[in-house]
Amino acid sequence: MGSAPMRRFRLAYDVSDLFRRYFINTLFDSTFVVLGIVAATLVTRGIEVRVTLAAMAAACIAIGISTGVSVYEAERLEAEIRMAKIERAMLSEMRDTHMDQTLRLYRALLSLVNFSAPLLVFAVTATPLLLHLGFGVPSLAQASQISILVAVSLVFIAGYALGRVAGRSPLRQGLRMTIAAISTFLLLILIQTYFA
């Protein structure tokens, strides 16, 4: 994947579209899952922080692998369909051409983007809990609250970025996503409280 395929990729595809369609969607999904896990930690008494961290890590890795693989396979099939149409129109095989290489690079990047988004969510939301585990400060309740605040902030930042990319009001888009995240968290707290 040298500079020539990257140049062809940038000419053929809008990188902001890649960010908008994949990274932000996967980031939202994994952040909401993390909110559910942290909500359970806040409500359930005596839960070990290691259990919470393990659940967060497992969920984020599973989401990353699932979305990365599914996007790769979906884009591979789309590329095969696209290449078959071009080959029929041009009456020649397109395998290992510049276009074929660009499509391979495209789906590899999409898969990487999808895999990395949940890992980013885990890295930032788990930090307060890791500090509690390693140093005892902040307390578990405070670490959980900070983790929730960080997760909601991630959602706001992603919504703000989505608004900018889409040419809409970034602040309004960020606030809409934040309201959705907070509403989801409160619903999860109610569910956890009922079943705890």
N, C-alpha and C. Protein backbone atom coordinates (compact mmCIF):
# COMPACT_ATOMS: atom_id res chain seq x y z
N MET A 1 0.85 -1.19 0.00
CA MET A 1 0.00 0.00 0.00
C MET A 1 0.88 1.24 0.00
N GLY A 2 1.43 1.52 -1.16
CA GLY A 2 2.33 2.66 -1.27
C GLY A 2 1.56 3.94 -1.45
N SER A 3 2.29 4.99 -1.85
CA SER A 3 1.67 6.29 -1.99
C SER A 3 0.75 6.36 -3.20
N ALA A 4 1.07 5.61 -4.27
CA ALA A 4 0.23 5.64 -5.47
C ALA A 4 -1.17 5.10 -5.19
N PRO A 5 -1.31 3.93 -4.54
CA PRO A 5 -2.67 3.48 -4.20
C PRO A 5 -3.41 4.45 -3.29
N MET A 6 -2.69 5.09 -2.37
CA MET A 6 -3.34 6.05 -1.47
C MET A 6 -3.84 7.26 -2.25
N ARG A 7 -3.05 7.73 -3.23
CA ARG A 7 -3.49 8.86 -4.06
C ARG A 7 -4.73 8.49 -4.85
N ARG A 8 -4.72 7.27 -5.42
CA ARG A 8 -5.89 6.82 -6.17
C ARG A 8 -7.10 6.70 -5.26
N PHE A 9 -6.86 6.24 -4.04
CA PHE A 9 -7.95 6.11 -3.08
C PHE A 9 -8.57 7.47 -2.78
N ARG A 10 -7.72 8.47 -2.53
CA ARG A 10 -8.24 9.80 -2.20
C ARG A 10 -8.99 10.42 -3.38
N LEU A 11 -8.56 10.09 -4.61
CA LEU A 11 -9.26 10.60 -5.78
C LEU A 11 -10.60 9.90 -5.98
N ALA A 12 -10.65 8.62 -5.67
CA ALA A 12 -11.86 7.83 -5.93
C ALA A 12 -12.90 7.95 -4.83
N TYR A 13 -12.46 8.18 -3.58
CA TYR A 13 -13.39 8.14 -2.46
C TYR A 13 -13.24 9.38 -1.59
N ASP A 14 -14.35 9.77 -1.01
CA ASP A 14 -14.40 10.88 -0.07
C ASP A 14 -14.09 10.35 1.32
N VAL A 15 -12.97 10.75 1.90
CA VAL A 15 -12.57 10.25 3.22
C VAL A 15 -13.58 10.65 4.28
N SER A 16 -14.19 11.84 4.13
CA SER A 16 -15.20 12.27 5.09
C SER A 16 -16.41 11.34 5.05
N ASP A 17 -16.70 10.78 3.88
CA ASP A 17 -17.80 9.82 3.77
C ASP A 17 -17.48 8.56 4.55
N LEU A 18 -16.24 8.10 4.43
CA LEU A 18 -15.78 6.93 5.20
C LEU A 18 -15.95 7.20 6.69
N PHE A 19 -15.51 8.38 7.14
CA PHE A 19 -15.62 8.75 8.55
C PHE A 19 -17.07 8.81 8.99
N ARG A 20 -17.89 9.46 8.16
CA ARG A 20 -19.29 9.66 8.52
C ARG A 20 -20.06 8.35 8.57
N ARG A 21 -19.88 7.50 7.59
CA ARG A 21 -20.70 6.29 7.48
C ARG A 21 -20.27 5.18 8.41
N TYR A 22 -19.00 5.13 8.73
CA TYR A 22 -18.51 3.97 9.45
C TYR A 22 -17.99 4.29 10.85
N PHE A 23 -17.01 5.16 10.94
CA PHE A 23 -16.39 5.42 12.23
C PHE A 23 -17.41 5.93 13.24
N ILE A 24 -18.19 6.93 12.86
CA ILE A 24 -19.14 7.52 13.80
C ILE A 24 -20.22 6.52 14.19
N ASN A 25 -20.75 5.76 13.22
CA ASN A 25 -21.78 4.78 13.55
C ASN A 25 -21.26 3.73 14.53
N THR A 26 -20.07 3.23 14.28
CA THR A 26 -19.51 2.20 15.16
C THR A 26 -19.17 2.80 16.52
N LEU A 27 -18.71 4.04 16.54
CA LEU A 27 -18.42 4.71 17.80
C LEU A 27 -19.69 4.85 18.64
N PHE A 28 -20.79 5.25 17.99
CA PHE A 28 -22.07 5.35 18.71
C PHE A 28 -22.45 4.00 19.30
N ASP A 29 -22.41 2.97 18.48
CA ASP A 29 -22.82 1.64 18.94
C ASP A 29 -22.02 1.19 20.16
N SER A 30 -20.71 1.30 20.07
CA SER A 30 -19.86 0.82 21.16
C SER A 30 -20.00 1.70 22.40
N THR A 31 -20.21 2.99 22.23
CA THR A 31 -20.38 3.88 23.38
C THR A 31 -21.66 3.55 24.13
N PHE A 32 -22.72 3.26 23.41
CA PHE A 32 -23.98 2.92 24.06
C PHE A 32 -23.87 1.60 24.80
N VAL A 33 -23.12 0.65 24.26
CA VAL A 33 -22.90 -0.63 24.96
C VAL A 33 -22.12 -0.38 26.25
N VAL A 34 -21.09 0.45 26.17
CA VAL A 34 -20.30 0.78 27.37
C VAL A 34 -21.17 1.46 28.41
N LEU A 35 -22.06 2.35 27.97
CA LEU A 35 -22.98 3.00 28.92
C LEU A 35 -23.82 1.97 29.66
N GLY A 36 -24.26 0.95 28.96
CA GLY A 36 -25.04 -0.11 29.61
C GLY A 36 -24.25 -0.86 30.66
N ILE A 37 -23.00 -1.15 30.34
CA ILE A 37 -22.14 -1.88 31.28
C ILE A 37 -21.84 -1.03 32.51
N VAL A 38 -21.54 0.24 32.30
CA VAL A 38 -21.23 1.12 33.43
C VAL A 38 -22.48 1.38 34.26
N ALA A 39 -23.65 1.44 33.62
CA ALA A 39 -24.91 1.59 34.36
C ALA A 39 -25.10 0.42 35.30
N ALA A 40 -24.78 -0.78 34.85
CA ALA A 40 -24.89 -1.97 35.71
C ALA A 40 -23.93 -1.88 36.88
N THR A 41 -22.74 -1.31 36.65
CA THR A 41 -21.75 -1.16 37.71
C THR A 41 -22.25 -0.20 38.79
N LEU A 42 -22.89 0.89 38.35
CA LEU A 42 -23.40 1.87 39.32
C LEU A 42 -24.52 1.31 40.17
N VAL A 43 -25.38 0.51 39.57
CA VAL A 43 -26.57 0.03 40.27
C VAL A 43 -26.27 -1.20 41.11
N THR A 44 -25.45 -2.10 40.59
CA THR A 44 -25.17 -3.36 41.28
C THR A 44 -24.14 -3.14 42.38
N ARG A 45 -24.48 -3.52 43.58
CA ARG A 45 -23.57 -3.33 44.71
C ARG A 45 -22.54 -4.45 44.76
N GLY A 46 -21.33 -4.07 45.14
CA GLY A 46 -20.27 -5.05 45.37
C GLY A 46 -19.67 -5.65 44.11
N ILE A 47 -19.94 -5.05 42.95
CA ILE A 47 -19.37 -5.59 41.72
C ILE A 47 -17.88 -5.23 41.65
N GLU A 48 -17.07 -6.16 41.20
CA GLU A 48 -15.62 -5.94 41.10
C GLU A 48 -15.32 -5.11 39.86
N VAL A 49 -14.42 -4.14 40.00
CA VAL A 49 -14.07 -3.28 38.87
C VAL A 49 -13.44 -4.09 37.75
N ARG A 50 -12.73 -5.18 38.10
CA ARG A 50 -12.14 -6.03 37.08
C ARG A 50 -13.21 -6.65 36.18
N VAL A 51 -14.35 -6.98 36.79
CA VAL A 51 -15.46 -7.57 36.02
C VAL A 51 -16.00 -6.53 35.03
N THR A 52 -16.15 -5.30 35.51
CA THR A 52 -16.63 -4.23 34.64
C THR A 52 -15.67 -4.00 33.49
N LEU A 53 -14.38 -3.90 33.79
CA LEU A 53 -13.37 -3.67 32.75
C LEU A 53 -13.33 -4.83 31.75
N ALA A 54 -13.42 -6.05 32.26
CA ALA A 54 -13.40 -7.21 31.38
C ALA A 54 -14.61 -7.21 30.45
N ALA A 55 -15.78 -6.85 31.01
CA ALA A 55 -17.00 -6.79 30.20
C ALA A 55 -16.89 -5.70 29.14
N MET A 56 -16.37 -4.53 29.52
CA MET A 56 -16.19 -3.44 28.56
C MET A 56 -15.23 -3.83 27.45
N ALA A 57 -14.09 -4.44 27.84
CA ALA A 57 -13.09 -4.84 26.85
C ALA A 57 -13.65 -5.89 25.90
N ALA A 58 -14.32 -6.90 26.47
CA ALA A 58 -14.88 -7.97 25.65
C ALA A 58 -15.93 -7.43 24.68
N ALA A 59 -16.79 -6.55 25.18
CA ALA A 59 -17.85 -5.99 24.33
C ALA A 59 -17.26 -5.15 23.20
N CYS A 60 -16.28 -4.30 23.52
CA CYS A 60 -15.69 -3.43 22.50
C CYS A 60 -14.90 -4.22 21.46
N ILE A 61 -14.16 -5.23 21.92
CA ILE A 61 -13.42 -6.07 20.97
C ILE A 61 -14.38 -6.83 20.08
N ALA A 62 -15.45 -7.37 20.68
CA ALA A 62 -16.44 -8.11 19.89
C ALA A 62 -17.11 -7.21 18.85
N ILE A 63 -17.47 -5.99 19.26
CA ILE A 63 -18.08 -5.05 18.31
C ILE A 63 -17.09 -4.71 17.20
N GLY A 64 -15.83 -4.47 17.57
CA GLY A 64 -14.81 -4.14 16.57
C GLY A 64 -14.62 -5.24 15.55
N ILE A 65 -14.49 -6.47 16.04
CA ILE A 65 -14.29 -7.59 15.12
C ILE A 65 -15.54 -7.81 14.27
N SER A 66 -16.70 -7.78 14.91
CA SER A 66 -17.96 -8.01 14.19
C SER A 66 -18.17 -6.99 13.07
N THR A 67 -18.05 -5.71 13.41
CA THR A 67 -18.28 -4.68 12.40
C THR A 67 -17.16 -4.65 11.37
N GLY A 68 -15.92 -4.87 11.81
CA GLY A 68 -14.80 -4.89 10.87
C GLY A 68 -14.95 -5.98 9.83
N VAL A 69 -15.27 -7.18 10.29
CA VAL A 69 -15.42 -8.31 9.37
C VAL A 69 -16.65 -8.14 8.48
N SER A 70 -17.78 -7.71 9.08
CA SER A 70 -19.00 -7.58 8.28
C SER A 70 -18.86 -6.50 7.21
N VAL A 71 -18.21 -5.39 7.56
CA VAL A 71 -18.00 -4.33 6.58
C VAL A 71 -17.04 -4.80 5.48
N TYR A 72 -15.98 -5.52 5.87
CA TYR A 72 -15.04 -6.02 4.87
C TYR A 72 -15.74 -6.94 3.88
N GLU A 73 -16.55 -7.86 4.40
CA GLU A 73 -17.24 -8.81 3.52
C GLU A 73 -18.27 -8.11 2.65
N ALA A 74 -19.01 -7.16 3.23
CA ALA A 74 -20.01 -6.42 2.45
C ALA A 74 -19.35 -5.63 1.33
N GLU A 75 -18.24 -4.95 1.66
CA GLU A 75 -17.54 -4.17 0.64
C GLU A 75 -16.85 -5.05 -0.40
N ARG A 76 -16.41 -6.24 0.02
CA ARG A 76 -15.80 -7.18 -0.94
C ARG A 76 -16.83 -7.63 -1.97
N LEU A 77 -18.04 -7.94 -1.49
CA LEU A 77 -19.10 -8.35 -2.42
C LEU A 77 -19.51 -7.20 -3.33
N GLU A 78 -19.60 -5.98 -2.76
CA GLU A 78 -19.94 -4.81 -3.57
C GLU A 78 -18.88 -4.56 -4.64
N ALA A 79 -17.61 -4.74 -4.25
CA ALA A 79 -16.52 -4.54 -5.21
C ALA A 79 -16.56 -5.58 -6.32
N GLU A 80 -16.87 -6.82 -5.97
CA GLU A 80 -16.96 -7.87 -6.99
C GLU A 80 -18.08 -7.57 -7.98
N ILE A 81 -19.22 -7.11 -7.48
CA ILE A 81 -20.34 -6.75 -8.35
C ILE A 81 -19.94 -5.59 -9.26
N ARG A 82 -19.30 -4.58 -8.66
CA ARG A 82 -18.88 -3.41 -9.43
C ARG A 82 -17.87 -3.79 -10.51
N MET A 83 -16.89 -4.62 -10.13
CA MET A 83 -15.86 -5.03 -11.09
C MET A 83 -16.46 -5.88 -12.21
N ALA A 84 -17.42 -6.75 -11.87
CA ALA A 84 -18.05 -7.59 -12.89
C ALA A 84 -18.78 -6.72 -13.91
N LYS A 85 -19.46 -5.68 -13.45
CA LYS A 85 -20.16 -4.77 -14.37
C LYS A 85 -19.17 -4.05 -15.28
N ILE A 86 -18.06 -3.60 -14.70
CA ILE A 86 -17.05 -2.89 -15.49
C ILE A 86 -16.41 -3.84 -16.50
N GLU A 87 -16.12 -5.07 -16.07
CA GLU A 87 -15.51 -6.05 -16.97
C GLU A 87 -16.42 -6.37 -18.15
N ARG A 88 -17.74 -6.47 -17.88
CA ARG A 88 -18.69 -6.72 -18.97
C ARG A 88 -18.73 -5.54 -19.93
N ALA A 89 -18.67 -4.34 -19.39
CA ALA A 89 -18.73 -3.15 -20.24
C ALA A 89 -17.46 -2.98 -21.07
N MET A 90 -16.31 -3.33 -20.48
CA MET A 90 -15.01 -3.13 -21.16
C MET A 90 -14.52 -4.37 -21.90
N LEU A 91 -15.22 -5.49 -21.69
CA LEU A 91 -14.85 -6.76 -22.32
C LEU A 91 -13.41 -7.16 -22.02
N SER A 92 -12.99 -6.88 -20.77
CA SER A 92 -11.63 -7.28 -20.35
C SER A 92 -11.62 -7.49 -18.85
N GLU A 93 -10.67 -8.31 -18.39
CA GLU A 93 -10.56 -8.61 -16.96
C GLU A 93 -9.88 -7.47 -16.24
N MET A 94 -10.41 -7.13 -15.05
CA MET A 94 -9.90 -5.98 -14.29
C MET A 94 -9.12 -6.39 -13.05
N ARG A 95 -8.92 -7.70 -12.84
CA ARG A 95 -8.20 -8.16 -11.66
C ARG A 95 -6.77 -7.62 -11.65
N ASP A 96 -6.32 -7.17 -10.48
CA ASP A 96 -4.97 -6.63 -10.26
C ASP A 96 -4.70 -5.34 -11.03
N THR A 97 -5.75 -4.66 -11.45
CA THR A 97 -5.59 -3.33 -12.06
C THR A 97 -5.56 -2.28 -10.95
N HIS A 98 -5.33 -1.02 -11.35
CA HIS A 98 -5.33 0.07 -10.38
C HIS A 98 -6.68 0.15 -9.65
N MET A 99 -7.76 -0.04 -10.40
CA MET A 99 -9.09 0.04 -9.79
C MET A 99 -9.28 -1.08 -8.76
N ASP A 100 -8.85 -2.27 -9.10
CA ASP A 100 -8.96 -3.41 -8.20
C ASP A 100 -8.15 -3.16 -6.92
N GLN A 101 -6.95 -2.62 -7.08
CA GLN A 101 -6.10 -2.32 -5.92
C GLN A 101 -6.72 -1.23 -5.05
N THR A 102 -7.34 -0.24 -5.68
CA THR A 102 -7.99 0.84 -4.93
C THR A 102 -9.17 0.32 -4.12
N LEU A 103 -9.95 -0.57 -4.73
CA LEU A 103 -11.08 -1.14 -4.02
C LEU A 103 -10.63 -2.00 -2.85
N ARG A 104 -9.52 -2.72 -3.01
CA ARG A 104 -8.97 -3.52 -1.91
C ARG A 104 -8.52 -2.63 -0.76
N LEU A 105 -7.84 -1.54 -1.11
CA LEU A 105 -7.38 -0.59 -0.09
C LEU A 105 -8.58 0.02 0.64
N TYR A 106 -9.61 0.36 -0.12
CA TYR A 106 -10.81 0.96 0.45
C TYR A 106 -11.44 0.06 1.50
N ARG A 107 -11.66 -1.22 1.17
CA ARG A 107 -12.31 -2.09 2.14
C ARG A 107 -11.40 -2.42 3.32
N ALA A 108 -10.08 -2.45 3.10
CA ALA A 108 -9.16 -2.67 4.22
C ALA A 108 -9.22 -1.50 5.20
N LEU A 109 -9.27 -0.28 4.66
CA LEU A 109 -9.35 0.91 5.52
C LEU A 109 -10.68 0.95 6.27
N LEU A 110 -11.76 0.62 5.58
CA LEU A 110 -13.07 0.60 6.23
C LEU A 110 -13.09 -0.38 7.39
N SER A 111 -12.51 -1.55 7.18
CA SER A 111 -12.46 -2.57 8.24
C SER A 111 -11.64 -2.07 9.42
N LEU A 112 -10.51 -1.44 9.12
CA LEU A 112 -9.66 -0.92 10.18
C LEU A 112 -10.36 0.17 10.97
N VAL A 113 -11.07 1.05 10.26
CA VAL A 113 -11.83 2.12 10.92
C VAL A 113 -12.87 1.53 11.86
N ASN A 114 -13.60 0.52 11.39
CA ASN A 114 -14.63 -0.11 12.21
C ASN A 114 -14.04 -0.84 13.40
N PHE A 115 -12.90 -1.46 13.23
CA PHE A 115 -12.28 -2.18 14.33
C PHE A 115 -11.73 -1.22 15.38
N SER A 116 -11.20 -0.08 14.93
CA SER A 116 -10.54 0.84 15.86
C SER A 116 -11.51 1.69 16.67
N ALA A 117 -12.69 1.97 16.15
CA ALA A 117 -13.64 2.85 16.87
C ALA A 117 -14.01 2.31 18.25
N PRO A 118 -14.39 1.02 18.39
CA PRO A 118 -14.71 0.51 19.73
C PRO A 118 -13.49 0.47 20.64
N LEU A 119 -12.31 0.25 20.08
CA LEU A 119 -11.10 0.24 20.91
C LEU A 119 -10.82 1.63 21.47
N LEU A 120 -11.09 2.65 20.67
CA LEU A 120 -10.95 4.03 21.14
C LEU A 120 -11.93 4.30 22.27
N VAL A 121 -13.18 3.86 22.10
CA VAL A 121 -14.20 4.03 23.14
C VAL A 121 -13.75 3.36 24.43
N PHE A 122 -13.26 2.13 24.32
CA PHE A 122 -12.80 1.42 25.52
C PHE A 122 -11.64 2.16 26.17
N ALA A 123 -10.68 2.60 25.38
CA ALA A 123 -9.48 3.26 25.93
C ALA A 123 -9.85 4.49 26.75
N VAL A 124 -10.76 5.30 26.25
CA VAL A 124 -11.07 6.55 26.97
C VAL A 124 -12.05 6.35 28.12
N THR A 125 -13.02 5.45 27.93
CA THR A 125 -14.01 5.26 29.00
C THR A 125 -13.48 4.38 30.13
N ALA A 126 -12.52 3.52 29.84
CA ALA A 126 -11.98 2.63 30.87
C ALA A 126 -10.91 3.31 31.73
N THR A 127 -10.35 4.43 31.28
CA THR A 127 -9.26 5.08 32.00
C THR A 127 -9.60 5.39 33.46
N PRO A 128 -10.76 6.01 33.76
CA PRO A 128 -11.08 6.27 35.18
C PRO A 128 -11.15 4.98 36.01
N LEU A 129 -11.70 3.93 35.44
CA LEU A 129 -11.81 2.66 36.15
C LEU A 129 -10.44 2.02 36.35
N LEU A 130 -9.58 2.16 35.36
CA LEU A 130 -8.21 1.64 35.49
C LEU A 130 -7.44 2.39 36.57
N LEU A 131 -7.66 3.70 36.66
CA LEU A 131 -7.03 4.49 37.72
C LEU A 131 -7.51 4.04 39.09
N HIS A 132 -8.80 3.77 39.19
CA HIS A 132 -9.34 3.26 40.46
C HIS A 132 -8.71 1.92 40.81
N LEU A 133 -8.62 1.05 39.82
CA LEU A 133 -8.06 -0.28 40.04
C LEU A 133 -6.60 -0.21 40.45
N GLY A 134 -5.85 0.67 39.81
CA GLY A 134 -4.41 0.74 40.06
C GLY A 134 -4.03 1.54 41.30
N PHE A 135 -4.77 2.63 41.56
CA PHE A 135 -4.36 3.55 42.62
C PHE A 135 -5.43 3.77 43.70
N GLY A 136 -6.65 3.26 43.46
CA GLY A 136 -7.71 3.45 44.43
C GLY A 136 -8.37 4.80 44.38
N VAL A 137 -7.90 5.64 43.48
CA VAL A 137 -8.45 7.00 43.32
C VAL A 137 -8.72 7.20 41.83
N PRO A 138 -9.90 7.66 41.46
CA PRO A 138 -11.05 7.99 42.30
C PRO A 138 -11.75 6.73 42.82
N SER A 139 -12.79 6.95 43.63
CA SER A 139 -13.57 5.81 44.13
C SER A 139 -14.29 5.15 42.96
N LEU A 140 -14.80 3.94 43.19
CA LEU A 140 -15.48 3.23 42.10
C LEU A 140 -16.68 4.01 41.60
N ALA A 141 -17.46 4.58 42.52
CA ALA A 141 -18.63 5.37 42.12
C ALA A 141 -18.21 6.58 41.29
N GLN A 142 -17.15 7.28 41.76
CA GLN A 142 -16.66 8.45 41.01
C GLN A 142 -16.08 8.05 39.66
N ALA A 143 -15.33 6.94 39.64
CA ALA A 143 -14.74 6.46 38.39
C ALA A 143 -15.84 6.11 37.38
N SER A 144 -16.91 5.48 37.87
CA SER A 144 -18.03 5.13 37.00
C SER A 144 -18.70 6.39 36.45
N GLN A 145 -18.88 7.37 37.31
CA GLN A 145 -19.51 8.62 36.88
C GLN A 145 -18.64 9.34 35.84
N ILE A 146 -17.33 9.37 36.07
CA ILE A 146 -16.41 10.00 35.11
C ILE A 146 -16.45 9.25 33.79
N SER A 147 -16.49 7.93 33.86
CA SER A 147 -16.56 7.11 32.66
C SER A 147 -17.82 7.43 31.85
N ILE A 148 -18.93 7.61 32.55
CA ILE A 148 -20.19 7.97 31.89
C ILE A 148 -20.07 9.34 31.25
N LEU A 149 -19.50 10.29 31.98
CA LEU A 149 -19.32 11.65 31.45
C LEU A 149 -18.44 11.63 30.20
N VAL A 150 -17.38 10.83 30.23
CA VAL A 150 -16.49 10.71 29.07
C VAL A 150 -17.24 10.09 27.88
N ALA A 151 -18.04 9.05 28.15
CA ALA A 151 -18.80 8.39 27.08
C ALA A 151 -19.79 9.37 26.44
N VAL A 152 -20.50 10.13 27.28
CA VAL A 152 -21.47 11.10 26.75
C VAL A 152 -20.73 12.20 25.97
N SER A 153 -19.55 12.61 26.45
CA SER A 153 -18.75 13.61 25.74
C SER A 153 -18.31 13.08 24.38
N LEU A 154 -17.94 11.80 24.33
CA LEU A 154 -17.59 11.18 23.05
C LEU A 154 -18.74 11.26 22.06
N VAL A 155 -19.94 10.98 22.56
CA VAL A 155 -21.12 11.04 21.70
C VAL A 155 -21.33 12.46 21.20
N PHE A 156 -21.16 13.45 22.09
CA PHE A 156 -21.32 14.85 21.67
C PHE A 156 -20.29 15.21 20.60
N ILE A 157 -19.03 14.83 20.82
CA ILE A 157 -17.96 15.15 19.86
C ILE A 157 -18.24 14.50 18.51
N ALA A 158 -18.67 13.23 18.55
CA ALA A 158 -18.98 12.53 17.30
C ALA A 158 -20.16 13.19 16.59
N GLY A 159 -21.19 13.57 17.35
CA GLY A 159 -22.32 14.25 16.75
C GLY A 159 -21.94 15.60 16.18
N TYR A 160 -21.08 16.31 16.89
CA TYR A 160 -20.59 17.61 16.41
C TYR A 160 -19.84 17.44 15.10
N ALA A 161 -18.95 16.43 15.05
CA ALA A 161 -18.19 16.15 13.82
C ALA A 161 -19.13 15.75 12.69
N LEU A 162 -20.13 14.95 13.01
CA LEU A 162 -21.10 14.53 12.00
C LEU A 162 -21.84 15.73 11.44
N GLY A 163 -22.22 16.67 12.30
CA GLY A 163 -22.88 17.89 11.85
C GLY A 163 -22.01 18.71 10.92
N ARG A 164 -20.72 18.80 11.24
CA ARG A 164 -19.79 19.55 10.38
C ARG A 164 -19.64 18.90 9.03
N VAL A 165 -19.47 17.58 9.03
CA VAL A 165 -19.27 16.85 7.78
C VAL A 165 -20.52 16.94 6.90
N ALA A 166 -21.70 16.86 7.55
CA ALA A 166 -22.96 16.87 6.80
C ALA A 166 -23.41 18.28 6.42
N GLY A 167 -22.69 19.31 6.88
CA GLY A 167 -23.05 20.68 6.55
C GLY A 167 -24.24 21.19 7.34
N ARG A 168 -24.51 20.55 8.49
CA ARG A 168 -25.60 21.00 9.36
C ARG A 168 -25.02 21.69 10.58
N SER A 169 -25.90 22.15 11.47
CA SER A 169 -25.44 22.82 12.68
C SER A 169 -24.71 21.80 13.57
N PRO A 170 -23.38 21.93 13.73
CA PRO A 170 -22.64 20.96 14.54
C PRO A 170 -23.12 20.91 15.99
N LEU A 171 -23.40 22.08 16.56
CA LEU A 171 -23.83 22.13 17.96
C LEU A 171 -25.17 21.42 18.14
N ARG A 172 -26.10 21.70 17.24
CA ARG A 172 -27.41 21.06 17.33
C ARG A 172 -27.30 19.54 17.17
N GLN A 173 -26.49 19.11 16.21
CA GLN A 173 -26.32 17.68 15.99
C GLN A 173 -25.66 17.02 17.21
N GLY A 174 -24.65 17.70 17.77
CA GLY A 174 -23.99 17.18 18.96
C GLY A 174 -24.94 17.07 20.14
N LEU A 175 -25.78 18.08 20.32
CA LEU A 175 -26.75 18.06 21.42
C LEU A 175 -27.81 16.98 21.22
N ARG A 176 -28.25 16.80 19.99
CA ARG A 176 -29.23 15.74 19.71
C ARG A 176 -28.68 14.37 20.09
N MET A 177 -27.43 14.13 19.69
CA MET A 177 -26.81 12.84 20.00
C MET A 177 -26.60 12.69 21.51
N THR A 178 -26.26 13.81 22.17
CA THR A 178 -26.05 13.77 23.62
C THR A 178 -27.35 13.46 24.35
N ILE A 179 -28.44 14.07 23.91
CA ILE A 179 -29.75 13.80 24.52
C ILE A 179 -30.11 12.32 24.35
N ALA A 180 -29.81 11.78 23.17
CA ALA A 180 -30.09 10.36 22.93
C ALA A 180 -29.26 9.48 23.87
N ALA A 181 -27.99 9.85 24.07
CA ALA A 181 -27.11 9.06 24.95
C ALA A 181 -27.58 9.14 26.40
N ILE A 182 -27.92 10.33 26.87
CA ILE A 182 -28.36 10.49 28.26
C ILE A 182 -29.69 9.77 28.48
N SER A 183 -30.61 9.89 27.51
CA SER A 183 -31.90 9.20 27.63
C SER A 183 -31.70 7.70 27.69
N THR A 184 -30.79 7.19 26.85
CA THR A 184 -30.49 5.75 26.85
C THR A 184 -29.92 5.33 28.18
N PHE A 185 -29.00 6.14 28.71
CA PHE A 185 -28.37 5.80 29.99
C PHE A 185 -29.40 5.75 31.12
N LEU A 186 -30.29 6.75 31.15
CA LEU A 186 -31.32 6.77 32.20
C LEU A 186 -32.26 5.58 32.08
N LEU A 187 -32.60 5.20 30.84
CA LEU A 187 -33.43 4.02 30.64
C LEU A 187 -32.72 2.76 31.14
N LEU A 188 -31.41 2.67 30.85
CA LEU A 188 -30.63 1.51 31.31
C LEU A 188 -30.55 1.46 32.83
N ILE A 189 -30.42 2.62 33.45
CA ILE A 189 -30.40 2.67 34.92
C ILE A 189 -31.72 2.16 35.49
N LEU A 190 -32.84 2.58 34.88
CA LEU A 190 -34.15 2.12 35.35
C LEU A 190 -34.28 0.61 35.20
N ILE A 191 -33.83 0.10 34.07
CA ILE A 191 -33.90 -1.35 33.83
C ILE A 191 -33.03 -2.10 34.83
N GLN A 192 -31.79 -1.60 35.02
CA GLN A 192 -30.86 -2.26 35.96
C GLN A 192 -31.41 -2.21 37.38
N THR A 193 -32.01 -1.08 37.76
CA THR A 193 -32.55 -0.93 39.12
C THR A 193 -33.70 -1.92 39.33
N TYR A 194 -34.53 -2.07 38.33
CA TYR A 194 -35.68 -2.97 38.42
C TYR A 194 -35.25 -4.43 38.60
N PHE A 195 -34.20 -4.83 37.85
CA PHE A 195 -33.76 -6.23 37.89
C PHE A 195 -32.69 -6.50 38.95
N ALA A 196 -32.12 -5.45 39.53
CA ALA A 196 -31.03 -5.66 40.52
C ALA A 196 -31.57 -6.22 41.82
